[in-house]
N, C-alpha and C. Protein backbone atom coordinates (compact mmCIF):
# COMPACT_ATOMS: atom_id res chain seq x y z
N MET A 1 23.66 -6.58 12.51
CA MET A 1 24.05 -5.21 12.31
C MET A 1 23.26 -4.28 13.24
N THR A 2 21.99 -4.54 13.41
CA THR A 2 21.18 -3.74 14.32
C THR A 2 21.67 -3.90 15.75
N ASN A 3 22.07 -5.10 16.11
CA ASN A 3 22.58 -5.32 17.47
C ASN A 3 23.81 -4.47 17.75
N VAL A 4 24.66 -4.32 16.77
CA VAL A 4 25.86 -3.50 16.94
C VAL A 4 25.48 -2.04 17.08
N PHE A 5 24.46 -1.59 16.33
CA PHE A 5 24.00 -0.21 16.46
C PHE A 5 23.42 0.04 17.85
N VAL A 6 22.66 -0.90 18.37
CA VAL A 6 22.12 -0.77 19.73
C VAL A 6 23.26 -0.71 20.74
N TYR A 7 24.27 -1.53 20.54
CA TYR A 7 25.46 -1.49 21.40
C TYR A 7 26.11 -0.11 21.35
N ARG A 8 26.21 0.45 20.13
CA ARG A 8 26.78 1.79 19.97
C ARG A 8 25.96 2.84 20.70
N ILE A 9 24.65 2.72 20.64
CA ILE A 9 23.77 3.65 21.36
C ILE A 9 24.06 3.58 22.85
N ARG A 10 24.20 2.39 23.36
CA ARG A 10 24.49 2.24 24.80
C ARG A 10 25.80 2.89 25.18
N LEU A 11 26.78 2.82 24.30
CA LEU A 11 28.07 3.46 24.57
C LEU A 11 27.98 4.99 24.53
N LEU A 12 27.13 5.52 23.69
CA LEU A 12 27.04 6.96 23.50
C LEU A 12 26.18 7.67 24.54
N ARG A 13 25.26 6.96 25.16
CA ARG A 13 24.36 7.60 26.13
C ARG A 13 25.13 8.16 27.31
N ASP A 14 24.63 9.29 27.83
CA ASP A 14 25.25 9.85 29.02
C ASP A 14 24.56 9.29 30.26
N ASN A 15 24.89 9.82 31.43
CA ASN A 15 24.32 9.31 32.69
C ASN A 15 22.82 9.51 32.78
N ASN A 16 22.28 10.47 32.04
CA ASN A 16 20.83 10.72 32.01
C ASN A 16 20.13 9.93 30.92
N MET A 17 20.88 8.98 30.30
CA MET A 17 20.36 8.15 29.21
C MET A 17 19.99 8.97 27.98
N GLU A 18 20.66 10.11 27.78
CA GLU A 18 20.41 10.96 26.62
C GLU A 18 21.55 10.81 25.62
N MET A 19 21.21 11.03 24.37
CA MET A 19 22.19 10.91 23.30
C MET A 19 22.90 12.25 23.09
N PRO A 20 24.12 12.21 22.56
CA PRO A 20 24.85 13.46 22.29
C PRO A 20 24.18 14.26 21.17
N ASP A 21 24.53 15.52 21.08
CA ASP A 21 23.94 16.40 20.07
C ASP A 21 24.21 15.93 18.64
N ASN A 22 25.32 15.26 18.43
CA ASN A 22 25.66 14.82 17.07
C ASN A 22 25.15 13.40 16.78
N PHE A 23 24.16 12.94 17.47
CA PHE A 23 23.65 11.59 17.27
C PHE A 23 23.10 11.38 15.86
N SER A 24 22.62 12.44 15.24
CA SER A 24 22.12 12.30 13.87
C SER A 24 23.24 11.84 12.94
N ASN A 25 24.48 12.20 13.23
CA ASN A 25 25.61 11.72 12.43
C ASN A 25 25.77 10.21 12.58
N GLU A 26 25.56 9.70 13.79
CA GLU A 26 25.64 8.26 14.02
C GLU A 26 24.57 7.52 13.22
N ILE A 27 23.37 8.08 13.18
CA ILE A 27 22.29 7.47 12.41
C ILE A 27 22.63 7.49 10.92
N ALA A 28 23.19 8.60 10.46
CA ALA A 28 23.58 8.69 9.04
C ALA A 28 24.66 7.66 8.71
N LYS A 29 25.64 7.50 9.59
CA LYS A 29 26.70 6.51 9.36
C LYS A 29 26.10 5.10 9.31
N TRP A 30 25.14 4.82 10.21
CA TRP A 30 24.52 3.51 10.25
C TRP A 30 23.74 3.25 8.95
N ALA A 31 23.01 4.26 8.49
CA ALA A 31 22.24 4.12 7.26
C ALA A 31 23.16 3.86 6.07
N LEU A 32 24.25 4.61 5.99
CA LEU A 32 25.21 4.38 4.90
C LEU A 32 25.83 3.00 5.00
N GLU A 33 26.14 2.59 6.19
CA GLU A 33 26.73 1.27 6.36
C GLU A 33 25.76 0.19 5.92
N CYS A 34 24.50 0.33 6.26
CA CYS A 34 23.50 -0.65 5.84
C CYS A 34 23.44 -0.75 4.32
N LYS A 35 23.54 0.39 3.67
CA LYS A 35 23.45 0.42 2.21
C LYS A 35 24.73 -0.10 1.56
N ILE A 36 25.87 0.32 2.07
CA ILE A 36 27.15 0.00 1.44
C ILE A 36 27.61 -1.42 1.73
N PHE A 37 27.43 -1.87 2.95
CA PHE A 37 28.01 -3.14 3.38
C PHE A 37 26.94 -4.20 3.65
N LYS A 38 26.11 -4.45 2.66
CA LYS A 38 25.04 -5.43 2.85
C LYS A 38 25.57 -6.85 3.04
N THR A 39 26.61 -7.19 2.35
CA THR A 39 27.09 -8.56 2.38
C THR A 39 28.26 -8.78 3.33
N ALA A 40 29.10 -7.78 3.50
CA ALA A 40 30.28 -7.93 4.36
C ALA A 40 30.25 -6.84 5.43
N PHE A 41 30.06 -7.24 6.65
CA PHE A 41 29.94 -6.28 7.74
C PHE A 41 31.32 -5.83 8.19
N LYS A 42 31.73 -4.65 7.72
CA LYS A 42 33.05 -4.13 8.04
C LYS A 42 33.00 -2.63 8.28
N GLY A 43 31.90 -2.11 8.69
CA GLY A 43 31.73 -0.67 8.81
C GLY A 43 32.11 -0.10 10.17
N PRO A 44 31.85 1.20 10.37
CA PRO A 44 32.32 1.90 11.55
C PRO A 44 31.63 1.52 12.85
N PHE A 45 30.58 0.77 12.80
CA PHE A 45 29.91 0.39 14.05
C PHE A 45 30.41 -0.92 14.61
N HIS A 46 31.20 -1.64 13.86
CA HIS A 46 31.74 -2.88 14.38
C HIS A 46 32.67 -2.55 15.54
N PRO A 47 32.55 -3.25 16.67
CA PRO A 47 33.32 -2.90 17.87
C PRO A 47 34.84 -2.89 17.68
N ASN A 48 35.36 -3.64 16.71
CA ASN A 48 36.81 -3.71 16.53
C ASN A 48 37.35 -2.77 15.47
N ILE A 49 36.50 -1.92 14.90
CA ILE A 49 36.94 -0.99 13.87
C ILE A 49 37.45 0.29 14.52
N THR A 50 38.60 0.76 14.08
CA THR A 50 39.16 2.00 14.61
C THR A 50 38.91 3.14 13.64
N SER A 51 39.14 4.35 14.09
CA SER A 51 38.91 5.52 13.23
C SER A 51 39.91 5.60 12.09
N LYS A 52 40.93 4.74 12.07
CA LYS A 52 41.90 4.73 10.98
C LYS A 52 41.55 3.70 9.90
N CYS A 53 40.52 2.91 10.12
CA CYS A 53 40.10 1.92 9.15
C CYS A 53 39.57 2.63 7.90
N PRO A 54 39.96 2.19 6.71
CA PRO A 54 39.52 2.85 5.47
C PRO A 54 38.00 2.95 5.34
N ASN A 55 37.27 1.91 5.72
CA ASN A 55 35.81 1.96 5.64
C ASN A 55 35.24 3.01 6.58
N TYR A 56 35.81 3.11 7.77
CA TYR A 56 35.36 4.10 8.75
C TYR A 56 35.60 5.50 8.20
N VAL A 57 36.79 5.73 7.65
CA VAL A 57 37.14 7.04 7.10
C VAL A 57 36.23 7.40 5.95
N ARG A 58 35.98 6.44 5.06
CA ARG A 58 35.12 6.71 3.90
C ARG A 58 33.71 7.08 4.32
N ILE A 59 33.13 6.37 5.26
CA ILE A 59 31.76 6.69 5.69
C ILE A 59 31.74 8.01 6.44
N ASN A 60 32.72 8.27 7.30
CA ASN A 60 32.75 9.55 8.00
C ASN A 60 32.87 10.71 7.03
N ASN A 61 33.65 10.56 5.98
CA ASN A 61 33.76 11.63 4.97
C ASN A 61 32.44 11.87 4.28
N LYS A 62 31.68 10.83 4.01
CA LYS A 62 30.37 10.99 3.38
C LYS A 62 29.40 11.69 4.31
N VAL A 63 29.44 11.33 5.59
CA VAL A 63 28.54 11.95 6.57
C VAL A 63 28.87 13.44 6.72
N GLU A 64 30.13 13.78 6.74
CA GLU A 64 30.54 15.17 6.89
C GLU A 64 30.06 16.03 5.72
N ARG A 65 29.92 15.42 4.54
CA ARG A 65 29.45 16.16 3.38
C ARG A 65 27.94 16.36 3.36
N LEU A 66 27.21 15.67 4.23
CA LEU A 66 25.74 15.79 4.25
C LEU A 66 25.30 17.13 4.77
């Protein structure tokens, strides 16, 4: 799971190796995913998950409420 988060960080970095302003949302999503999906890795950081996946939508909705 951590490897996928590191992969996500690499995708989000800009040419100056800096993270976007909303990176704290990515950290929040990762933390929720770690808590919610301990046994079955199906969260929004998996490379094959799209923004229409129910798990992705559920975690994004929780992050938006923070």
